[in-house]
Protein backbone atom coordinates (compact mmCIF):
# COMPACT_ATOMS: atom_id res chain seq x y z
CA MET A 1 13.98 1.40 -5.90
CA LEU A 2 11.76 4.54 -7.25
CA GLU A 3 13.23 7.46 -6.30
CA GLU A 4 10.89 10.18 -7.74
CA LEU A 5 7.37 10.15 -9.40
CA HIS A 6 7.15 14.05 -11.71
CA LEU A 7 3.10 13.82 -12.88
CA THR A 8 2.36 15.99 -15.77
CA ASN A 9 -1.42 17.23 -16.07
CA PHE A 10 -2.65 14.46 -14.26
CA LYS A 11 -6.02 15.23 -11.74
CA VAL A 12 -5.27 17.46 -9.31
CA PHE A 13 -1.54 18.04 -10.77
CA ASP A 14 -0.28 20.38 -13.54
CA ASP A 15 3.25 19.73 -12.70
CA CYS A 16 4.25 18.34 -9.63
CA ARG A 17 7.45 15.83 -8.38
CA VAL A 18 7.02 13.29 -5.11
CA PRO A 19 9.80 12.20 -3.95
CA LEU A 20 10.13 8.82 -2.79
CA ALA A 21 11.88 6.50 -0.40
CA PRO A 22 11.82 3.05 1.21
CA LEU A 23 9.06 4.31 3.57
CA THR A 24 6.39 7.04 1.64
CA LEU A 25 3.85 8.40 3.52
CA LEU A 26 1.20 10.37 1.98
CA SER A 27 -1.36 12.60 3.94
CA GLY A 28 -3.89 14.97 3.28
CA LEU A 29 -7.83 16.00 2.91
CA ASN A 30 -9.88 14.38 0.83
CA GLY A 31 -9.44 15.05 -3.17
CA THR A 32 -5.62 16.94 -2.18
CA GLY A 33 -4.40 14.34 -4.65
CA LYS A 34 -2.92 11.72 -2.68
CA SER A 35 -4.87 8.84 -3.83
CA SER A 36 -3.59 10.55 -7.58
CA VAL A 37 -0.15 9.11 -6.24
CA LEU A 38 -1.26 5.67 -5.89
CA GLN A 39 -3.40 5.11 -8.69
CA VAL A 40 -0.90 6.50 -11.37
CA LEU A 41 1.77 4.05 -10.07
CA ALA A 42 -1.00 1.35 -10.47
CA LEU A 43 -1.98 2.30 -13.92
CA LEU A 44 1.45 2.33 -15.33
CA ARG A 45 1.55 -1.51 -13.57
CA GLN A 46 -1.92 -2.44 -15.33
CA SER A 47 -1.13 -0.80 -18.62
CA PHE A 48 2.25 -3.11 -18.63
CA GLU A 49 0.56 -6.36 -17.77
CA SER A 50 -2.29 -5.67 -20.68
CA GLY A 51 0.82 -5.53 -22.87
CA ILE A 52 0.35 -2.11 -24.13
CA LEU A 53 2.75 0.13 -22.20
CA SER A 54 5.71 -0.24 -24.56
CA GLU A 55 3.68 0.83 -27.67
CA GLU A 56 0.61 2.13 -27.22
CA GLY A 57 -0.22 3.78 -24.23
CA TRP A 58 -1.98 3.83 -20.82
CA LEU A 59 -5.21 1.37 -19.90
CA LEU A 60 -7.43 3.55 -17.60
CA ASN A 61 -9.98 0.87 -16.80
CA GLY A 62 -8.34 -2.86 -15.65
CA GLU A 63 -8.04 -4.97 -12.38
CA LEU A 64 -6.05 -1.99 -10.24
CA VAL A 65 -7.79 1.07 -10.90
CA GLU A 66 -10.52 1.97 -13.03
CA LEU A 67 -10.13 5.84 -13.95
CA GLY A 68 -13.15 6.35 -16.47
CA VAL A 69 -11.87 8.11 -19.16
CA ALA A 70 -10.02 10.90 -20.60
CA GLU A 71 -11.58 14.01 -19.39
CA ASP A 72 -11.82 12.07 -15.68
CA VAL A 73 -7.75 12.14 -15.50
CA LEU A 74 -6.87 15.22 -17.31
CA HIS A 75 -5.91 18.08 -15.08
CA GLU A 76 -8.94 20.73 -14.92
CA TYR A 77 -7.33 23.60 -15.86
CA SER A 78 -4.44 22.08 -18.57
CA GLU A 79 -3.47 24.27 -21.39
CA ILE A 80 -2.15 21.17 -23.34
CA PRO A 81 -4.00 17.74 -24.37
CA VAL A 82 -0.72 15.90 -22.62
CA ILE A 83 -0.49 13.47 -19.69
CA GLY A 84 2.68 12.29 -18.29
CA ALA A 85 4.10 10.49 -15.83
CA LYS A 86 8.34 10.10 -15.36
CA ILE A 87 10.11 8.20 -13.04
CA ARG A 88 13.41 8.37 -11.64
CA THR A 89 15.27 5.21 -9.98
CA SER A 90 17.82 5.32 -7.47
CA GLY A 91 20.02 3.59 -9.91
CA GLY A 92 19.67 7.17 -11.80
CA SER A 93 17.66 5.54 -14.75
CA VAL A 94 14.62 7.82 -15.81
CA HIS A 95 11.52 6.69 -17.33
CA ARG A 96 8.97 9.22 -18.87
CA TRP A 97 5.46 8.28 -20.60
CA MET A 98 3.51 10.87 -22.33
CA VAL A 99 -0.07 10.23 -23.82
CA GLN A 100 -2.56 12.61 -25.56
CA TYR A 101 -6.02 13.43 -24.20
CA GLU A 102 -8.73 11.73 -26.38
CA ARG A 103 -11.91 13.08 -24.59
CA SER A 104 -13.78 9.88 -24.26
CA SER A 105 -11.24 7.43 -24.84
CA ASP A 106 -10.04 5.09 -21.73
CA VAL A 107 -7.09 4.17 -23.87
CA LEU A 108 -4.77 6.63 -23.46
CA ARG A 109 -2.25 6.41 -26.90
CA TYR A 110 1.38 7.84 -27.03
CA ASP A 111 2.16 10.54 -29.67
CA GLU A 112 5.72 9.41 -29.39
CA PRO A 113 7.56 6.11 -27.98
CA PRO A 114 8.44 6.59 -24.06
CA ASP A 115 11.45 8.23 -23.24
CA GLN A 116 13.34 5.26 -21.30
CA GLU A 117 16.72 5.00 -19.91
CA GLY A 118 17.24 1.04 -19.14
CA SER A 119 14.91 -1.54 -19.46
CA VAL A 120 11.45 -1.09 -17.71
CA SER A 121 11.77 -4.76 -17.04
CA GLN A 122 14.26 -3.62 -14.33
CA LEU A 123 11.72 -1.37 -12.03
CA SER A 124 9.86 -2.85 -9.16
CA LEU A 125 7.15 -1.28 -10.32
CA PHE A 126 6.77 -4.11 -13.58
CA GLY A 127 8.76 -6.81 -10.91
CA ASP A 128 7.37 -10.46 -9.70
CA TRP A 129 6.83 -8.76 -5.98
CA PHE A 130 4.16 -6.25 -6.72
CA GLN A 131 1.19 -5.81 -4.13
CA TYR A 132 -1.33 -2.67 -4.42
CA LEU A 133 -4.33 -2.97 -1.77
CA ARG A 134 -7.18 -0.77 -2.32
CA ALA A 135 -9.27 0.95 0.47
CA ASP A 136 -12.31 -0.71 -0.68
CA ARG A 137 -10.58 -4.07 0.39
CA VAL A 138 -12.41 -7.39 0.40
CA ASN A 139 -15.12 -7.83 3.29
CA PRO A 140 -15.49 -10.39 5.92
CA ALA A 141 -16.44 -13.56 4.36
CA VAL A 142 -16.77 -17.56 5.48
CA SER A 143 -14.57 -18.34 2.38
CA TYR A 144 -12.39 -16.64 -0.30
CA GLY A 145 -11.16 -17.45 -3.85
CA LYS A 146 -8.79 -18.93 -5.31
CA SER A 147 -6.47 -17.71 -8.38
CA TYR A 148 -3.20 -19.64 -8.97
CA HIS A 149 -2.24 -17.95 -11.46
CA SER A 150 -2.18 -14.63 -9.51
CA VAL A 151 -1.03 -16.35 -6.31
CA GLY A 152 1.15 -18.83 -7.67
CA ARG A 153 3.11 -17.75 -10.22
CA ARG A 154 2.44 -13.39 -9.75
CA HIS A 155 2.95 -13.40 -5.91
CA PHE A 156 -0.65 -11.35 -5.87
CA LEU A 157 -2.90 -10.94 -3.29
CA GLY A 158 -5.64 -8.99 -5.66
CA ALA A 159 -6.27 -5.09 -5.19
CA ARG A 160 -9.04 -6.20 -2.95
CA GLY A 161 -6.93 -8.68 -1.14
CA GLU A 162 -9.19 -11.03 -1.84
CA TYR A 163 -6.46 -13.87 -2.72
CA ALA A 164 -4.37 -13.51 1.08
CA ALA A 165 -6.16 -16.35 2.27
CA HIS A 166 -4.73 -18.64 -0.61
CA PHE A 167 -1.77 -17.15 -0.39
CA LEU A 168 -1.48 -18.08 3.11
CA SER A 169 -3.00 -21.79 2.05
CA ILE A 170 0.29 -22.04 -0.57
CA PHE A 171 2.78 -19.95 1.10
CA GLN A 172 2.65 -20.72 5.00
CA ASP A 173 5.63 -22.18 5.43
CA ARG A 174 7.92 -19.55 3.78
CA PRO A 175 10.25 -18.15 6.09
CA VAL A 176 9.83 -14.42 7.30
CA PRO A 177 13.03 -12.62 7.29
CA GLU A 178 14.88 -11.87 10.55
CA PRO A 179 13.94 -8.59 11.25
CA LEU A 180 10.45 -8.95 10.74
CA ARG A 181 9.96 -12.02 13.07
CA ARG A 182 8.34 -11.62 16.22
CA ARG A 183 10.07 -14.33 18.88
CA ARG A 184 6.54 -15.22 20.62
CA ASP A 185 3.00 -14.86 20.63
CA ASP A 186 0.41 -15.37 22.97
CA ASP A 187 0.59 -18.81 22.93
CA GLY A 188 4.45 -19.16 23.46
CA ASP A 189 7.18 -19.63 21.04
CA ALA A 190 6.50 -18.52 17.32
CA LYS A 191 7.85 -20.17 14.56
CA PRO A 192 9.71 -18.27 11.45
CA GLY A 193 6.70 -19.73 9.06
CA LEU A 194 4.62 -17.40 7.38
CA LEU A 195 1.23 -17.82 9.38
CA SER A 196 2.66 -18.44 12.35
CA GLN A 197 4.42 -14.92 12.13
CA VAL A 198 0.92 -13.50 10.27
CA ASN A 199 -0.69 -14.83 13.57
CA ALA A 200 1.88 -13.04 15.96
CA TRP A 201 1.35 -9.82 14.33
CA MET A 202 -2.31 -10.39 14.39
CA GLN A 203 -2.18 -10.78 17.65
CA GLU A 204 -0.98 -6.74 17.88
CA PHE A 205 -4.72 -6.08 17.12
CA SER A 206 -6.42 -8.74 18.72
CA PRO A 207 -4.94 -10.29 21.86
CA GLY A 208 -4.92 -14.05 21.48
CA VAL A 209 -6.26 -14.43 17.80
CA ARG A 210 -5.19 -17.00 15.81
CA ILE A 211 -6.26 -17.65 11.81
CA ALA A 212 -6.73 -21.16 10.09
CA VAL A 213 -6.92 -21.91 6.66
CA GLU A 214 -7.84 -24.80 4.86
CA ASP A 215 -8.32 -25.30 0.93
CA ILE A 216 -11.63 -26.94 0.00
CA GLU A 217 -10.56 -29.28 -2.20
CA LYS A 218 -12.23 -29.75 -5.77
CA THR A 219 -13.86 -26.34 -5.35
CA ASP A 220 -12.29 -22.87 -6.44
CA PHE A 221 -12.22 -21.61 -2.40
CA VAL A 222 -10.16 -21.19 0.96
CA ARG A 223 -12.33 -21.41 3.99
CA LEU A 224 -10.55 -18.73 6.77
CA SER A 225 -11.69 -18.98 10.13
CA TYR A 226 -10.37 -17.55 13.55
CA ALA A 227 -10.06 -18.54 17.19
CA TYR A 228 -8.77 -17.32 20.51
CA GLY A 229 -6.43 -18.52 23.41
CA ALA A 230 -5.36 -22.15 22.78
CA SER A 231 -3.63 -23.25 19.47
CA ALA A 232 -6.29 -22.83 16.21
CA GLY A 233 -6.15 -25.84 14.33
CA LEU A 234 -8.80 -27.33 12.14
CA SER A 235 -10.04 -29.54 14.95
CA SER A 236 -10.08 -26.98 17.54
CA SER A 237 -13.47 -25.54 19.60
CA GLY A 238 -14.10 -21.78 19.30
CA ARG A 239 -13.37 -21.20 15.83
CA TYR A 240 -15.45 -18.11 14.35
CA ARG A 241 -16.30 -17.08 10.88
CA PRO A 242 -14.38 -13.62 9.83
CA THR A 243 -18.16 -12.48 9.44
CA ASN A 244 -18.46 -12.70 13.29
CA VAL A 245 -15.11 -10.97 14.68
CA GLY A 246 -15.44 -7.37 12.93
CA PHE A 247 -13.86 -5.90 9.76
CA GLY A 248 -10.46 -4.92 11.32
CA LEU A 249 -8.99 -8.40 11.39
CA SER A 250 -10.19 -8.80 7.20
CA TYR A 251 -9.20 -5.42 6.44
CA SER A 252 -5.37 -5.75 7.65
CA LEU A 253 -4.78 -9.42 6.79
CA PRO A 254 -3.52 -8.93 3.13
CA ILE A 255 -1.26 -5.92 5.02
CA VAL A 256 0.40 -8.45 6.73
CA VAL A 257 0.50 -10.61 4.73
CA ALA A 258 2.00 -8.41 1.83
CA CYS A 259 4.36 -7.04 4.36
CA LEU A 260 5.89 -10.03 5.66
CA ALA A 261 6.09 -12.44 2.72
CA THR A 262 7.68 -9.73 0.16
CA PRO A 263 11.19 -10.52 -0.31
CA PRO A 264 13.81 -7.00 -0.61
CA GLY A 265 13.46 -5.36 -4.07
CA GLY A 266 9.37 -5.62 -3.75
CA LEU A 267 7.17 -2.87 -4.22
CA ILE A 268 3.82 -2.27 -2.05
CA LEU A 269 0.73 0.30 -2.62
CA LEU A 270 -1.16 0.79 0.39
CA GLU A 271 -4.43 2.58 0.55
CA ASN A 272 -5.58 3.75 4.45
CA PRO A 273 -4.14 0.70 5.84
CA GLU A 274 -5.81 1.82 9.45
CA ALA A 275 -9.03 1.21 8.37
CA HIS A 276 -11.62 -0.74 11.08
CA LEU A 277 -8.50 -0.92 13.47
CA HIS A 278 -7.95 0.11 16.84
CA PRO A 279 -5.42 2.95 17.72
CA GLN A 280 -2.75 0.49 19.22
CA GLY A 281 -3.53 -1.51 15.57
CA GLN A 282 -2.98 1.31 13.93
CA ALA A 283 0.45 1.96 15.44
CA ALA A 284 1.81 -1.66 15.45
CA ILE A 285 1.22 -1.67 11.76
CA GLY A 286 2.89 1.54 11.05
CA ARG A 287 5.94 0.03 12.76
CA LEU A 288 5.28 -3.43 10.78
CA MET A 289 5.74 -1.18 7.94
CA ALA A 290 8.91 0.22 9.28
CA LEU A 291 10.51 -3.41 9.57
CA THR A 292 9.37 -4.07 6.35
CA ALA A 293 10.80 -0.69 4.44
CA ALA A 294 13.98 -1.83 6.49
CA THR A 295 14.46 -4.93 4.81
CA GLY A 296 14.54 -3.50 1.56
CA VAL A 297 10.95 -3.62 0.59
CA GLN A 298 9.56 -0.31 -0.91
CA ILE A 299 6.06 1.23 0.52
CA VAL A 300 3.87 4.18 -0.83
CA VAL A 301 1.14 4.32 2.01
CA GLU A 302 -1.59 7.18 1.97
CA THR A 303 -3.21 7.27 5.15
CA HIS A 304 -5.42 9.69 7.59
CA SER A 305 -3.98 8.10 10.65
CA ASP A 306 -1.65 9.78 12.71
CA HIS A 307 -1.17 6.66 14.97
CA VAL A 308 0.24 4.81 11.39
CA LEU A 309 2.95 7.93 11.52
CA ASN A 310 3.23 7.57 15.17
CA GLY A 311 4.11 3.95 14.68
CA ILE A 312 6.84 4.99 11.95
CA ARG A 313 8.05 7.51 14.13
CA MET A 314 9.01 5.45 16.78
CA ALA A 315 10.48 2.71 14.58
CA VAL A 316 12.84 5.44 13.61
CA LYS A 317 13.55 7.16 17.00
CA SER A 318 14.34 2.81 18.26
CA GLY A 319 16.70 2.85 15.71
CA GLU A 320 14.80 0.41 13.51
CA LEU A 321 14.91 2.72 10.47
CA PRO A 322 16.62 5.57 8.99
CA PRO A 323 15.01 8.64 9.45
CA ASP A 324 16.57 9.07 5.60
CA ASP A 325 14.43 6.21 4.58
CA VAL A 326 11.20 7.86 5.21
CA ALA A 327 9.49 10.58 3.50
CA ALA A 328 6.25 12.30 4.70
CA HIS A 329 3.96 14.13 2.23
CA TYR A 330 1.14 16.55 3.18
CA PHE A 331 -1.14 17.51 0.23
CA SER A 332 -3.35 20.48 0.30
CA ARG A 333 -5.04 22.53 -2.10
CA PRO A 334 -6.08 26.21 -0.66
CA ARG A 335 -8.92 27.60 -1.76
CA GLY A 336 -8.52 29.43 -5.55
CA ILE A 337 -5.32 27.08 -5.88
CA LEU A 338 -5.73 25.21 -9.41
CA ALA A 339 -3.24 22.64 -8.13
CA ALA A 340 -2.41 20.77 -5.04
CA GLU A 341 0.75 21.73 -3.01
CA ILE A 342 3.29 19.32 -1.31
CA HIS A 343 4.50 19.70 1.74
CA SER A 344 7.42 17.68 2.76
CA PRO A 345 8.63 17.77 6.76
CA LYS A 346 11.51 15.46 7.81
CA ILE A 347 11.66 13.06 10.75
CA THR A 348 14.63 13.43 12.81
CA ARG A 349 16.49 10.48 14.33
CA GLN A 350 14.48 10.85 17.89
CA GLY A 351 11.47 10.63 15.78
CA ARG A 352 10.24 14.14 15.65
CA LEU A 353 9.05 16.21 12.87
CA THR A 354 11.04 19.60 11.37
CA PHE A 355 7.74 21.20 11.01
CA TRP A 356 4.04 20.66 11.25
CA PRO A 357 1.89 21.78 8.26
CA ASP A 358 -1.19 23.40 9.08
CA GLY A 359 -3.82 20.52 8.93
CA PHE A 360 -0.66 17.55 9.05
CA PHE A 361 -2.53 15.40 12.03
CA ASP A 362 -3.02 18.39 14.10
CA GLN A 363 -6.60 18.14 14.59
CA TRP A 364 -6.40 16.85 18.22
CA ASP A 365 -4.40 20.38 19.28
CA LYS A 366 -7.01 21.78 17.02
CA SER A 367 -10.14 20.09 18.87
CA LEU A 368 -8.41 20.44 22.47
CA ASP A 369 -8.00 24.49 22.09
CA SER A 370 -11.52 24.75 21.26
CA LEU A 371 -12.84 22.54 24.09
CA LEU A 372 -10.51 24.70 26.41
CA ASP A 373 -11.71 27.72 25.03
């Protein structure tokens, strides 16, 4: 499991260490660097999959991220033309990559070989069960593309969740780990298979909803539909196109699939899981992430939602996830400060925070004070 990420001269970070836990929550105002933490991990994965990470360097633009050229990622006030990332694992191994700044290049090359302790192939970041779901997830559509290579061989949902429907069509009977299973859904007993459990969890966001997936033979597409009330089999009435049930279900579906399908040892990177969800659904997705982390899956999530945080806090209070398995980081960049700062309150066993940094999910309190003034 990844235990710490150390960044050098990357975007808003001049020299920054980010502790990582089984469940790491990144928050802060826009432009303070929380997305950069996810991006550099995705960048390393992208470079690894392209085959250049071990000997050549970093690929800035690819399937996972499009970061531009070197001048777009070098810390603005850097005094040395070097950008670096170092990962320390819970097993004690350290992996370090330092690349040279070449202003207009989108491939940043090593000045010297990476410093590795152990094989990088053993890192969860480069393993078979890796998911990176960006904030700009795929919009609702009647059908979604297939990719047997991404889904069948890499178990990858796509950076925008575009293969979630195909994944469900292939692995709909895959058993979900016991701690993640919901015993019942709105129609009765829920089965342990992936599709049944996805339906049970999606009903936290939209009561009574059921998903159906249909592989359209001799095409490159999978049809996805929703129904309410009775079983949503393909012959049932009242089926709705995803375009007619709003963005929330389509945006949350890949997240639910990733959490329920990823086995222990996998790694999930998430941006804005709360997008287009009602507060009740946001809290539910926070609890789902906590339960997933408790099974041995590592999750790093960027969020602006206090409801997601509270879902995690309630899971800790109920004993579903140990408090030490959560890291909460608030990124800030005060006026006049050249680099981002990180504040890291702890969550107690009662689900409380040891302190509240100014700006850390406290806007409601500030607004209430203003209204009552």
